[in-house]
Amino acid sequence: MTEIAGIVVPDSRLAREATELIRDTESTLLFDHSLRVYLFGALRGQRRGMAYDPELLYLGAMFHDIGLTPQYSSPNHRFEIDGANTARDFLRTRGVSEGEIDLVWDAIALHTTPEIPWFKPPVVALVTAGVEMDVLGLGFEEVTENARALVLAAHPRPNFKEGIIQAFADGIKHKPETAFGNVKADVLERKLPGYVRPNFCRMIDAAGWRE
């Protein structure tokens, strides 16, 4: 059993198989990020007194960025949906209930959508909590300095800020239209030469309706 900052890392057969798949598929940067997402999400949930299923939280955290990888990236869906669909397929082949699969699917699909996940069940909210903590530094006050140090000792983040931006860009540059309406348009604006950010108001103006 592995315990980091007081948080037990799930070690069931299902969790081990998920870990193996993610380790074999993702870069070290994304793999360590996914584990930190689980740990920070669990720590923030613990601080808030939230009850959650650790294994489902772990699965949501581990799969949340797999849609950025070439193996699991679709031609036309948002990477969050690709990740959610990959997790769903993985869990269905292992006999996980549809209710639990739906929780993991929502946790992954919504993890870049601000605020909404916090009004969903704890597993959904805490995947976002972990992402917000690791990527944006939100929730620092909910995790002690010692706990943060223990997490980083186990799963360090060298050059993570620029590295994760590049990983986002590499994962979606072949389908830039999927960045509309979410935070990834900011990534492409920085990283993809010639990218023009879509404008919602211009889309309304160009709609084929007569006034």
N, C-alpha and C. Protein backbone atom coordinates (compact mmCIF):
# COMPACT_ATOMS: atom_id res chain seq x y z
N MET A 1 0.84 -1.19 0.00
CA MET A 1 0.00 0.00 0.00
C MET A 1 0.88 1.25 0.00
N THR A 2 0.61 2.16 -0.92
CA THR A 2 1.34 3.43 -0.98
C THR A 2 0.48 4.53 -0.38
N GLU A 3 1.09 5.30 0.53
CA GLU A 3 0.40 6.43 1.14
C GLU A 3 1.27 7.66 0.98
N ILE A 4 0.70 8.74 0.47
CA ILE A 4 1.41 9.98 0.24
C ILE A 4 0.63 11.12 0.89
N ALA A 5 1.27 11.84 1.78
CA ALA A 5 0.63 12.96 2.50
C ALA A 5 -0.66 12.52 3.18
N GLY A 6 -0.67 11.28 3.67
CA GLY A 6 -1.84 10.76 4.36
C GLY A 6 -2.93 10.22 3.45
N ILE A 7 -2.72 10.28 2.15
CA ILE A 7 -3.71 9.79 1.19
C ILE A 7 -3.24 8.44 0.64
N VAL A 8 -4.10 7.44 0.74
CA VAL A 8 -3.78 6.11 0.22
C VAL A 8 -4.03 6.08 -1.27
N VAL A 9 -3.06 5.59 -2.02
CA VAL A 9 -3.21 5.43 -3.47
C VAL A 9 -3.87 4.08 -3.72
N PRO A 10 -5.03 4.04 -4.37
CA PRO A 10 -5.71 2.77 -4.61
C PRO A 10 -4.82 1.74 -5.28
N ASP A 11 -4.94 0.49 -4.83
CA ASP A 11 -4.07 -0.58 -5.33
C ASP A 11 -4.87 -1.82 -5.70
N SER A 12 -6.14 -1.62 -6.04
CA SER A 12 -6.95 -2.75 -6.50
C SER A 12 -6.45 -3.19 -7.88
N ARG A 13 -6.92 -4.32 -8.33
CA ARG A 13 -6.55 -4.78 -9.67
C ARG A 13 -6.96 -3.75 -10.72
N LEU A 14 -8.15 -3.19 -10.57
CA LEU A 14 -8.65 -2.19 -11.51
C LEU A 14 -7.73 -0.96 -11.52
N ALA A 15 -7.35 -0.49 -10.35
CA ALA A 15 -6.47 0.68 -10.26
C ALA A 15 -5.10 0.37 -10.85
N ARG A 16 -4.58 -0.82 -10.58
CA ARG A 16 -3.26 -1.18 -11.13
C ARG A 16 -3.30 -1.25 -12.65
N GLU A 17 -4.36 -1.80 -13.21
CA GLU A 17 -4.48 -1.88 -14.67
C GLU A 17 -4.58 -0.49 -15.28
N ALA A 18 -5.33 0.40 -14.62
CA ALA A 18 -5.43 1.78 -15.11
C ALA A 18 -4.07 2.47 -15.06
N THR A 19 -3.37 2.29 -13.95
CA THR A 19 -2.04 2.90 -13.80
C THR A 19 -1.10 2.42 -14.89
N GLU A 20 -1.12 1.13 -15.16
CA GLU A 20 -0.24 0.56 -16.19
C GLU A 20 -0.56 1.16 -17.57
N LEU A 21 -1.85 1.27 -17.88
CA LEU A 21 -2.24 1.84 -19.17
C LEU A 21 -1.77 3.28 -19.30
N ILE A 22 -2.00 4.07 -18.26
CA ILE A 22 -1.61 5.48 -18.32
C ILE A 22 -0.09 5.62 -18.39
N ARG A 23 0.62 4.84 -17.61
CA ARG A 23 2.09 4.92 -17.63
C ARG A 23 2.64 4.55 -19.01
N ASP A 24 2.02 3.56 -19.66
CA ASP A 24 2.50 3.12 -20.98
C ASP A 24 2.09 4.07 -22.09
N THR A 25 1.11 4.94 -21.83
CA THR A 25 0.55 5.79 -22.88
C THR A 25 1.02 7.23 -22.79
N GLU A 26 1.04 7.76 -21.59
CA GLU A 26 1.30 9.18 -21.41
C GLU A 26 2.78 9.47 -21.18
N SER A 27 3.16 10.71 -21.41
CA SER A 27 4.50 11.18 -21.05
C SER A 27 4.64 11.18 -19.53
N THR A 28 5.88 11.24 -19.08
CA THR A 28 6.12 11.34 -17.63
C THR A 28 5.44 12.57 -17.06
N LEU A 29 5.47 13.67 -17.81
CA LEU A 29 4.83 14.90 -17.34
C LEU A 29 3.35 14.68 -17.07
N LEU A 30 2.63 14.07 -18.01
CA LEU A 30 1.19 13.86 -17.84
C LEU A 30 0.90 12.79 -16.79
N PHE A 31 1.73 11.75 -16.74
CA PHE A 31 1.53 10.69 -15.75
C PHE A 31 1.65 11.24 -14.33
N ASP A 32 2.74 11.97 -14.07
CA ASP A 32 2.91 12.54 -12.73
C ASP A 32 1.84 13.58 -12.42
N HIS A 33 1.46 14.35 -13.42
CA HIS A 33 0.37 15.32 -13.24
C HIS A 33 -0.91 14.61 -12.82
N SER A 34 -1.23 13.50 -13.47
CA SER A 34 -2.47 12.78 -13.15
C SER A 34 -2.46 12.26 -11.72
N LEU A 35 -1.32 11.77 -11.26
CA LEU A 35 -1.24 11.31 -9.87
C LEU A 35 -1.35 12.48 -8.90
N ARG A 36 -0.75 13.60 -9.24
CA ARG A 36 -0.91 14.78 -8.36
C ARG A 36 -2.36 15.25 -8.34
N VAL A 37 -3.04 15.16 -9.47
CA VAL A 37 -4.46 15.53 -9.50
C VAL A 37 -5.25 14.68 -8.50
N TYR A 38 -4.98 13.38 -8.48
CA TYR A 38 -5.66 12.51 -7.50
C TYR A 38 -5.33 12.95 -6.08
N LEU A 39 -4.05 13.14 -5.80
CA LEU A 39 -3.64 13.45 -4.43
C LEU A 39 -4.14 14.81 -3.97
N PHE A 40 -4.02 15.82 -4.82
CA PHE A 40 -4.50 17.15 -4.44
C PHE A 40 -6.03 17.17 -4.35
N GLY A 41 -6.71 16.47 -5.24
CA GLY A 41 -8.16 16.39 -5.16
C GLY A 41 -8.60 15.73 -3.86
N ALA A 42 -7.92 14.63 -3.50
CA ALA A 42 -8.25 13.93 -2.26
C ALA A 42 -7.97 14.80 -1.05
N LEU A 43 -6.85 15.52 -1.06
CA LEU A 43 -6.51 16.39 0.06
C LEU A 43 -7.51 17.54 0.21
N ARG A 44 -7.93 18.10 -0.90
CA ARG A 44 -8.92 19.18 -0.83
C ARG A 44 -10.27 18.63 -0.37
N GLY A 45 -10.61 17.43 -0.82
CA GLY A 45 -11.85 16.80 -0.36
C GLY A 45 -11.81 16.50 1.12
N GLN A 46 -10.66 16.02 1.60
CA GLN A 46 -10.48 15.75 3.02
C GLN A 46 -10.66 17.03 3.83
N ARG A 47 -10.06 18.10 3.37
CA ARG A 47 -10.16 19.39 4.07
C ARG A 47 -11.61 19.86 4.14
N ARG A 48 -12.37 19.60 3.10
CA ARG A 48 -13.77 20.04 3.05
C ARG A 48 -14.73 19.04 3.67
N GLY A 49 -14.24 17.91 4.15
CA GLY A 49 -15.10 16.90 4.76
C GLY A 49 -16.00 16.20 3.76
N MET A 50 -15.54 16.07 2.54
CA MET A 50 -16.35 15.45 1.48
C MET A 50 -16.13 13.94 1.46
N ALA A 51 -17.20 13.18 1.36
CA ALA A 51 -17.13 11.72 1.26
C ALA A 51 -17.11 11.34 -0.22
N TYR A 52 -16.17 10.50 -0.60
CA TYR A 52 -16.04 10.12 -2.00
C TYR A 52 -15.46 8.71 -2.09
N ASP A 53 -15.58 8.10 -3.25
CA ASP A 53 -15.01 6.78 -3.51
C ASP A 53 -13.58 6.99 -4.01
N PRO A 54 -12.56 6.62 -3.24
CA PRO A 54 -11.17 6.87 -3.66
C PRO A 54 -10.81 6.23 -5.00
N GLU A 55 -11.33 5.04 -5.25
CA GLU A 55 -10.99 4.37 -6.50
C GLU A 55 -11.57 5.11 -7.70
N LEU A 56 -12.80 5.58 -7.60
CA LEU A 56 -13.40 6.32 -8.72
C LEU A 56 -12.69 7.66 -8.92
N LEU A 57 -12.33 8.32 -7.83
CA LEU A 57 -11.56 9.56 -7.95
C LEU A 57 -10.23 9.28 -8.63
N TYR A 58 -9.58 8.20 -8.25
CA TYR A 58 -8.30 7.83 -8.85
C TYR A 58 -8.45 7.58 -10.34
N LEU A 59 -9.48 6.85 -10.72
CA LEU A 59 -9.70 6.55 -12.14
C LEU A 59 -9.97 7.82 -12.94
N GLY A 60 -10.78 8.71 -12.39
CA GLY A 60 -11.04 9.97 -13.07
C GLY A 60 -9.77 10.79 -13.25
N ALA A 61 -8.96 10.84 -12.19
CA ALA A 61 -7.71 11.60 -12.26
C ALA A 61 -6.74 10.98 -13.26
N MET A 62 -6.61 9.67 -13.24
CA MET A 62 -5.63 9.02 -14.11
C MET A 62 -6.00 9.15 -15.58
N PHE A 63 -7.27 9.10 -15.91
CA PHE A 63 -7.68 9.14 -17.31
C PHE A 63 -7.96 10.56 -17.82
N HIS A 64 -7.88 11.58 -16.96
CA HIS A 64 -8.44 12.86 -17.35
C HIS A 64 -7.72 13.52 -18.52
N ASP A 65 -6.44 13.19 -18.76
CA ASP A 65 -5.71 13.80 -19.88
C ASP A 65 -5.32 12.81 -20.97
N ILE A 66 -5.82 11.59 -20.92
CA ILE A 66 -5.40 10.60 -21.92
C ILE A 66 -5.88 11.00 -23.32
N GLY A 67 -6.90 11.84 -23.40
CA GLY A 67 -7.37 12.32 -24.69
C GLY A 67 -6.40 13.24 -25.40
N LEU A 68 -5.32 13.64 -24.71
CA LEU A 68 -4.28 14.45 -25.34
C LEU A 68 -3.26 13.59 -26.09
N THR A 69 -3.30 12.28 -25.89
CA THR A 69 -2.31 11.40 -26.51
C THR A 69 -2.76 10.95 -27.90
N PRO A 70 -1.83 10.74 -28.81
CA PRO A 70 -2.21 10.33 -30.18
C PRO A 70 -3.05 9.06 -30.21
N GLN A 71 -2.76 8.12 -29.32
CA GLN A 71 -3.48 6.84 -29.33
C GLN A 71 -4.97 6.99 -29.04
N TYR A 72 -5.32 7.98 -28.25
CA TYR A 72 -6.71 8.10 -27.79
C TYR A 72 -7.35 9.43 -28.18
N SER A 73 -6.78 10.11 -29.14
CA SER A 73 -7.34 11.38 -29.61
C SER A 73 -8.19 11.16 -30.84
N SER A 74 -9.43 11.62 -30.81
CA SER A 74 -10.31 11.51 -31.96
C SER A 74 -10.04 12.66 -32.93
N PRO A 75 -10.55 12.58 -34.16
CA PRO A 75 -10.35 13.68 -35.10
C PRO A 75 -11.16 14.93 -34.79
N ASN A 76 -12.25 14.80 -34.02
CA ASN A 76 -13.17 15.93 -33.95
C ASN A 76 -13.81 16.20 -32.60
N HIS A 77 -13.50 15.43 -31.57
CA HIS A 77 -14.09 15.68 -30.26
C HIS A 77 -13.10 16.43 -29.36
N ARG A 78 -13.63 17.16 -28.39
CA ARG A 78 -12.78 17.77 -27.37
C ARG A 78 -11.97 16.68 -26.67
N PHE A 79 -10.75 17.01 -26.27
CA PHE A 79 -9.90 16.00 -25.66
C PHE A 79 -10.50 15.47 -24.35
N GLU A 80 -11.28 16.30 -23.66
CA GLU A 80 -11.93 15.86 -22.43
C GLU A 80 -12.91 14.72 -22.73
N ILE A 81 -13.63 14.83 -23.84
CA ILE A 81 -14.58 13.78 -24.21
C ILE A 81 -13.84 12.52 -24.64
N ASP A 82 -12.74 12.69 -25.37
CA ASP A 82 -11.94 11.52 -25.74
C ASP A 82 -11.46 10.78 -24.49
N GLY A 83 -11.02 11.51 -23.50
CA GLY A 83 -10.58 10.88 -22.26
C GLY A 83 -11.71 10.20 -21.53
N ALA A 84 -12.86 10.87 -21.47
CA ALA A 84 -14.03 10.29 -20.80
C ALA A 84 -14.49 9.02 -21.51
N ASN A 85 -14.49 9.04 -22.83
CA ASN A 85 -14.90 7.85 -23.59
C ASN A 85 -13.91 6.71 -23.42
N THR A 86 -12.63 7.03 -23.36
CA THR A 86 -11.62 5.99 -23.16
C THR A 86 -11.79 5.34 -21.79
N ALA A 87 -12.02 6.15 -20.77
CA ALA A 87 -12.24 5.61 -19.43
C ALA A 87 -13.50 4.75 -19.41
N ARG A 88 -14.55 5.21 -20.05
CA ARG A 88 -15.81 4.45 -20.09
C ARG A 88 -15.59 3.08 -20.72
N ASP A 89 -14.90 3.04 -21.86
CA ASP A 89 -14.65 1.76 -22.52
C ASP A 89 -13.80 0.84 -21.64
N PHE A 90 -12.78 1.40 -21.02
CA PHE A 90 -11.91 0.63 -20.13
C PHE A 90 -12.72 0.03 -18.97
N LEU A 91 -13.57 0.83 -18.36
CA LEU A 91 -14.33 0.36 -17.20
C LEU A 91 -15.41 -0.63 -17.58
N ARG A 92 -16.03 -0.45 -18.73
CA ARG A 92 -17.07 -1.39 -19.15
C ARG A 92 -16.51 -2.80 -19.37
N THR A 93 -15.31 -2.89 -19.90
CA THR A 93 -14.73 -4.21 -20.13
C THR A 93 -14.33 -4.89 -18.82
N ARG A 94 -14.39 -4.17 -17.72
CA ARG A 94 -14.01 -4.73 -16.43
C ARG A 94 -15.19 -4.81 -15.46
N GLY A 95 -16.39 -4.69 -16.00
CA GLY A 95 -17.59 -4.96 -15.22
C GLY A 95 -17.99 -3.90 -14.22
N VAL A 96 -17.50 -2.69 -14.38
CA VAL A 96 -17.87 -1.60 -13.48
C VAL A 96 -19.31 -1.17 -13.79
N SER A 97 -20.07 -0.81 -12.77
CA SER A 97 -21.47 -0.45 -12.97
C SER A 97 -21.60 0.82 -13.80
N GLU A 98 -22.72 0.92 -14.51
CA GLU A 98 -22.94 2.10 -15.35
C GLU A 98 -23.03 3.39 -14.53
N GLY A 99 -23.57 3.30 -13.32
CA GLY A 99 -23.63 4.49 -12.47
C GLY A 99 -22.25 5.00 -12.11
N GLU A 100 -21.35 4.09 -11.79
CA GLU A 100 -19.98 4.49 -11.46
C GLU A 100 -19.25 5.00 -12.70
N ILE A 101 -19.50 4.36 -13.83
CA ILE A 101 -18.90 4.82 -15.08
C ILE A 101 -19.36 6.23 -15.40
N ASP A 102 -20.63 6.51 -15.19
CA ASP A 102 -21.14 7.87 -15.46
C ASP A 102 -20.44 8.91 -14.60
N LEU A 103 -20.16 8.57 -13.35
CA LEU A 103 -19.45 9.50 -12.47
C LEU A 103 -18.06 9.81 -13.01
N VAL A 104 -17.34 8.76 -13.40
CA VAL A 104 -15.99 8.95 -13.93
C VAL A 104 -16.05 9.72 -15.24
N TRP A 105 -17.02 9.40 -16.08
CA TRP A 105 -17.16 10.10 -17.37
C TRP A 105 -17.36 11.60 -17.13
N ASP A 106 -18.29 11.94 -16.24
CA ASP A 106 -18.55 13.35 -15.95
C ASP A 106 -17.31 14.03 -15.37
N ALA A 107 -16.62 13.34 -14.48
CA ALA A 107 -15.44 13.92 -13.84
C ALA A 107 -14.40 14.32 -14.88
N ILE A 108 -14.21 13.48 -15.89
CA ILE A 108 -13.21 13.76 -16.92
C ILE A 108 -13.73 14.80 -17.91
N ALA A 109 -14.95 14.62 -18.37
CA ALA A 109 -15.50 15.51 -19.40
C ALA A 109 -15.64 16.95 -18.92
N LEU A 110 -15.84 17.15 -17.63
CA LEU A 110 -16.11 18.49 -17.10
C LEU A 110 -14.90 19.15 -16.45
N HIS A 111 -13.74 18.52 -16.50
CA HIS A 111 -12.65 19.01 -15.66
C HIS A 111 -12.05 20.34 -16.12
N THR A 112 -12.38 20.79 -17.33
CA THR A 112 -11.93 22.13 -17.75
C THR A 112 -13.09 23.13 -17.80
N THR A 113 -14.22 22.77 -17.24
CA THR A 113 -15.39 23.64 -17.24
C THR A 113 -15.52 24.29 -15.87
N PRO A 114 -15.23 25.57 -15.75
CA PRO A 114 -15.20 26.20 -14.43
C PRO A 114 -16.54 26.11 -13.70
N GLU A 115 -16.48 25.90 -12.43
CA GLU A 115 -17.57 26.00 -11.45
C GLU A 115 -18.56 24.83 -11.49
N ILE A 116 -19.03 24.41 -12.66
CA ILE A 116 -20.07 23.38 -12.74
C ILE A 116 -19.70 22.11 -11.97
N PRO A 117 -18.46 21.58 -12.10
CA PRO A 117 -18.16 20.34 -11.37
C PRO A 117 -18.38 20.43 -9.86
N TRP A 118 -18.25 21.61 -9.28
CA TRP A 118 -18.43 21.75 -7.83
C TRP A 118 -19.88 21.53 -7.41
N PHE A 119 -20.81 21.53 -8.35
CA PHE A 119 -22.22 21.27 -8.05
C PHE A 119 -22.62 19.85 -8.42
N LYS A 120 -21.64 19.04 -8.78
CA LYS A 120 -21.85 17.63 -9.10
C LYS A 120 -21.38 16.78 -7.91
N PRO A 121 -21.54 15.45 -7.98
CA PRO A 121 -21.08 14.59 -6.87
C PRO A 121 -19.59 14.75 -6.59
N PRO A 122 -19.14 14.38 -5.39
CA PRO A 122 -17.76 14.63 -4.98
C PRO A 122 -16.68 14.11 -5.93
N VAL A 123 -16.86 12.94 -6.51
CA VAL A 123 -15.85 12.43 -7.43
C VAL A 123 -15.64 13.39 -8.59
N VAL A 124 -16.71 13.95 -9.11
CA VAL A 124 -16.63 14.90 -10.22
C VAL A 124 -15.96 16.18 -9.74
N ALA A 125 -16.41 16.68 -8.61
CA ALA A 125 -15.86 17.94 -8.08
C ALA A 125 -14.38 17.82 -7.78
N LEU A 126 -13.95 16.67 -7.24
CA LEU A 126 -12.58 16.58 -6.75
C LEU A 126 -11.57 16.29 -7.85
N VAL A 127 -11.98 15.73 -8.98
CA VAL A 127 -11.05 15.68 -10.11
C VAL A 127 -10.74 17.11 -10.55
N THR A 128 -11.77 17.93 -10.68
CA THR A 128 -11.54 19.33 -11.01
C THR A 128 -10.72 20.03 -9.93
N ALA A 129 -10.99 19.72 -8.67
CA ALA A 129 -10.23 20.33 -7.57
C ALA A 129 -8.73 20.03 -7.70
N GLY A 130 -8.42 18.80 -8.07
CA GLY A 130 -7.02 18.42 -8.24
C GLY A 130 -6.38 19.10 -9.43
N VAL A 131 -7.13 19.20 -10.53
CA VAL A 131 -6.63 19.89 -11.72
C VAL A 131 -6.40 21.36 -11.42
N GLU A 132 -7.37 22.00 -10.79
CA GLU A 132 -7.24 23.42 -10.45
C GLU A 132 -6.03 23.68 -9.56
N MET A 133 -5.80 22.78 -8.62
CA MET A 133 -4.67 22.94 -7.71
C MET A 133 -3.35 22.80 -8.45
N ASP A 134 -3.22 21.76 -9.26
CA ASP A 134 -1.93 21.47 -9.89
C ASP A 134 -1.62 22.41 -11.05
N VAL A 135 -2.62 22.80 -11.81
CA VAL A 135 -2.37 23.62 -13.00
C VAL A 135 -2.45 25.12 -12.67
N LEU A 136 -3.43 25.51 -11.88
CA LEU A 136 -3.68 26.93 -11.64
C LEU A 136 -3.31 27.41 -10.23
N GLY A 137 -2.98 26.48 -9.35
CA GLY A 137 -2.66 26.87 -7.99
C GLY A 137 -3.87 27.22 -7.15
N LEU A 138 -5.07 26.91 -7.61
CA LEU A 138 -6.27 27.19 -6.82
C LEU A 138 -6.39 26.18 -5.69
N GLY A 139 -6.75 26.65 -4.52
CA GLY A 139 -6.90 25.76 -3.37
C GLY A 139 -5.64 25.56 -2.56
N PHE A 140 -4.60 26.37 -2.79
CA PHE A 140 -3.36 26.25 -2.02
C PHE A 140 -3.63 26.27 -0.52
N GLU A 141 -4.56 27.14 -0.11
CA GLU A 141 -4.82 27.31 1.32
C GLU A 141 -5.48 26.08 1.93
N GLU A 142 -5.98 25.16 1.10
CA GLU A 142 -6.63 23.95 1.60
C GLU A 142 -5.65 22.79 1.77
N VAL A 143 -4.43 22.94 1.31
CA VAL A 143 -3.42 21.88 1.40
C VAL A 143 -2.20 22.44 2.11
N THR A 144 -1.78 21.79 3.17
CA THR A 144 -0.65 22.31 3.95
C THR A 144 0.63 22.29 3.13
N GLU A 145 1.57 23.14 3.55
CA GLU A 145 2.87 23.18 2.87
C GLU A 145 3.56 21.83 2.94
N ASN A 146 3.45 21.16 4.09
CA ASN A 146 4.08 19.85 4.24
C ASN A 146 3.46 18.83 3.29
N ALA A 147 2.13 18.85 3.15
CA ALA A 147 1.46 17.91 2.24
C ALA A 147 1.86 18.19 0.80
N ARG A 148 1.94 19.46 0.44
CA ARG A 148 2.36 19.79 -0.92
C ARG A 148 3.78 19.27 -1.18
N ALA A 149 4.65 19.43 -0.21
CA ALA A 149 6.02 18.97 -0.37
C ALA A 149 6.09 17.45 -0.54
N LEU A 150 5.29 16.73 0.21
CA LEU A 150 5.28 15.27 0.12
C LEU A 150 4.77 14.81 -1.25
N VAL A 151 3.75 15.48 -1.75
CA VAL A 151 3.22 15.14 -3.07
C VAL A 151 4.28 15.40 -4.14
N LEU A 152 4.94 16.53 -4.06
CA LEU A 152 5.94 16.87 -5.08
C LEU A 152 7.18 15.99 -4.98
N ALA A 153 7.50 15.52 -3.78
CA ALA A 153 8.63 14.61 -3.63
C ALA A 153 8.34 13.28 -4.34
N ALA A 154 7.09 12.85 -4.29
CA ALA A 154 6.72 11.60 -4.94
C ALA A 154 6.50 11.76 -6.43
N HIS A 155 5.95 12.91 -6.82
CA HIS A 155 5.61 13.15 -8.23
C HIS A 155 5.99 14.59 -8.58
N PRO A 156 7.26 14.81 -8.88
CA PRO A 156 7.75 16.18 -9.11
C PRO A 156 7.21 16.80 -10.39
N ARG A 157 7.38 18.11 -10.48
CA ARG A 157 6.86 18.85 -11.62
C ARG A 157 7.92 19.77 -12.23
N PRO A 158 9.01 19.20 -12.77
CA PRO A 158 10.04 20.05 -13.39
C PRO A 158 9.52 20.72 -14.66
N ASN A 159 9.70 22.04 -14.72
CA ASN A 159 9.26 22.82 -15.89
C ASN A 159 7.81 22.51 -16.26
N PHE A 160 6.98 22.33 -15.25
CA PHE A 160 5.62 21.88 -15.52
C PHE A 160 4.76 22.93 -16.21
N LYS A 161 4.92 24.19 -15.82
CA LYS A 161 4.03 25.22 -16.36
C LYS A 161 4.09 25.26 -17.89
N GLU A 162 5.30 25.41 -18.42
CA GLU A 162 5.43 25.45 -19.87
C GLU A 162 5.17 24.08 -20.49
N GLY A 163 5.55 23.03 -19.76
CA GLY A 163 5.36 21.68 -20.28
C GLY A 163 3.89 21.31 -20.47
N ILE A 164 3.04 21.71 -19.51
CA ILE A 164 1.63 21.34 -19.64
C ILE A 164 0.96 22.17 -20.73
N ILE A 165 1.37 23.43 -20.88
CA ILE A 165 0.82 24.24 -21.97
C ILE A 165 1.18 23.60 -23.32
N GLN A 166 2.42 23.15 -23.45
CA GLN A 166 2.83 22.50 -24.70
C GLN A 166 2.09 21.19 -24.92
N ALA A 167 1.86 20.44 -23.85
CA ALA A 167 1.12 19.18 -23.97
C ALA A 167 -0.31 19.43 -24.43
N PHE A 168 -0.94 20.48 -23.90
CA PHE A 168 -2.28 20.84 -24.36
C PHE A 168 -2.25 21.18 -25.85
N ALA A 169 -1.29 22.00 -26.24
CA ALA A 169 -1.21 22.42 -27.63
C ALA A 169 -0.99 21.23 -28.55
N ASP A 170 -0.06 20.36 -28.19
CA ASP A 170 0.23 19.19 -29.02
C ASP A 170 -0.97 18.27 -29.13
N GLY A 171 -1.78 18.22 -28.07
CA GLY A 171 -2.91 17.30 -28.05
C GLY A 171 -4.12 17.77 -28.84
N ILE A 172 -4.20 19.08 -29.11
CA ILE A 172 -5.42 19.58 -29.78
C ILE A 172 -5.14 20.38 -31.04
N LYS A 173 -3.88 20.56 -31.42
CA LYS A 173 -3.58 21.43 -32.57
C LYS A 173 -4.13 20.87 -33.88
N HIS A 174 -4.39 19.57 -33.96
CA HIS A 174 -4.94 18.99 -35.18
C HIS A 174 -6.45 19.18 -35.28
N LYS A 175 -7.06 19.69 -34.22
CA LYS A 175 -8.51 19.94 -34.22
C LYS A 175 -8.80 21.22 -33.45
N PRO A 176 -8.29 22.35 -33.93
CA PRO A 176 -8.40 23.61 -33.18
C PRO A 176 -9.82 24.05 -32.93
N GLU A 177 -10.76 23.58 -33.74
CA GLU A 177 -12.16 23.97 -33.53
C GLU A 177 -12.68 23.50 -32.18
N THR A 178 -12.05 22.47 -31.59
CA THR A 178 -12.53 21.97 -30.30
C THR A 178 -12.14 22.87 -29.14
N ALA A 179 -11.33 23.89 -29.40
CA ALA A 179 -10.95 24.82 -28.33
C ALA A 179 -12.00 25.91 -28.13
N PHE A 180 -12.98 25.99 -29.01
CA PHE A 180 -14.01 27.03 -28.87
C PHE A 180 -14.84 26.76 -27.62
N GLY A 181 -15.02 27.81 -26.83
CA GLY A 181 -15.89 27.70 -25.65
C GLY A 181 -15.21 27.11 -24.43
N ASN A 182 -13.90 26.84 -24.51
CA ASN A 182 -13.21 26.37 -23.30
C ASN A 182 -11.84 27.03 -23.19
N VAL A 183 -11.13 26.73 -22.15
CA VAL A 183 -9.89 27.45 -21.86
C VAL A 183 -8.76 27.13 -22.83
N LYS A 184 -8.92 26.13 -23.66
CA LYS A 184 -7.82 25.74 -24.55
C LYS A 184 -7.62 26.70 -25.72
N ALA A 185 -8.56 27.59 -25.97
CA ALA A 185 -8.34 28.61 -26.99
C ALA A 185 -7.16 29.49 -26.60
N ASP A 186 -6.96 29.72 -25.31
CA ASP A 186 -5.81 30.49 -24.84
C ASP A 186 -4.51 29.79 -25.19
N VAL A 187 -4.51 28.46 -25.09
CA VAL A 187 -3.31 27.68 -25.41
C VAL A 187 -2.97 27.82 -26.89
N LEU A 188 -3.96 27.65 -27.75
CA LEU A 188 -3.69 27.70 -29.19
C LEU A 188 -3.31 29.11 -29.63
N GLU A 189 -3.85 30.11 -28.97
CA GLU A 189 -3.49 31.48 -29.31
C GLU A 189 -1.99 31.72 -29.06
N ARG A 190 -1.45 31.06 -28.06
CA ARG A 190 -0.02 31.19 -27.76
C ARG A 190 0.83 30.27 -28.64
N LYS A 191 0.34 29.05 -28.92
CA LYS A 191 1.21 28.02 -29.45
C LYS A 191 1.00 27.67 -30.93
N LEU A 192 -0.15 28.01 -31.51
CA LEU A 192 -0.44 27.58 -32.88
C LEU A 192 -0.39 28.78 -33.82
N PRO A 193 0.67 28.88 -34.63
CA PRO A 193 0.77 30.02 -35.56
C PRO A 193 -0.44 30.10 -36.48
N GLY A 194 -0.98 31.31 -36.64
CA GLY A 194 -2.11 31.53 -37.53
C GLY A 194 -3.46 31.25 -36.92
N TYR A 195 -3.49 30.75 -35.70
CA TYR A 195 -4.78 30.45 -35.06
C TYR A 195 -5.55 31.74 -34.80
N VAL A 196 -6.81 31.75 -35.20
CA VAL A 196 -7.69 32.89 -34.94
C VAL A 196 -8.80 32.42 -34.00
N ARG A 197 -8.85 33.05 -32.85
CA ARG A 197 -9.84 32.66 -31.85
C ARG A 197 -11.26 32.90 -32.36
N PRO A 198 -12.14 31.91 -32.33
CA PRO A 198 -13.53 32.13 -32.72
C PRO A 198 -14.20 33.15 -31.80
N ASN A 199 -15.16 33.85 -32.33
CA ASN A 199 -15.87 34.87 -31.57
C ASN A 199 -17.36 34.55 -31.57
N PHE A 200 -17.92 34.36 -30.40
CA PHE A 200 -19.31 33.93 -30.27
C PHE A 200 -20.26 34.96 -30.87
N CYS A 201 -19.98 36.23 -30.65
CA CYS A 201 -20.87 37.27 -31.18
C CYS A 201 -20.84 37.29 -32.71
N ARG A 202 -19.65 37.11 -33.28
CA ARG A 202 -19.57 37.05 -34.74
C ARG A 202 -20.33 35.84 -35.29
N MET A 203 -20.32 34.76 -34.54
CA MET A 203 -21.07 33.57 -34.97
C MET A 203 -22.57 33.86 -34.98
N ILE A 204 -23.03 34.59 -33.97
CA ILE A 204 -24.46 34.97 -33.94
C ILE A 204 -24.78 35.86 -35.14
N ASP A 205 -23.91 36.84 -35.38
CA ASP A 205 -24.14 37.76 -36.51
C ASP A 205 -24.19 37.03 -37.84
N ALA A 206 -23.38 35.96 -37.97
CA ALA A 206 -23.28 35.25 -39.25
C ALA A 206 -24.33 34.16 -39.41
N ALA A 207 -25.15 33.93 -38.40
CA ALA A 207 -26.17 32.87 -38.48
C ALA A 207 -27.13 33.16 -39.64
N GLY A 208 -27.63 32.11 -40.23
CA GLY A 208 -28.43 32.22 -41.43
C GLY A 208 -29.86 32.68 -41.24
N TRP A 209 -30.20 33.19 -40.06
CA TRP A 209 -31.57 33.64 -39.80
C TRP A 209 -31.77 35.07 -40.29
N ARG A 210 -32.94 35.32 -40.85
CA ARG A 210 -33.33 36.70 -41.18
C ARG A 210 -33.93 37.35 -39.93
N GLU A 211 -33.57 38.60 -39.71
CA GLU A 211 -34.08 39.30 -38.53
C GLU A 211 -35.59 39.47 -38.65
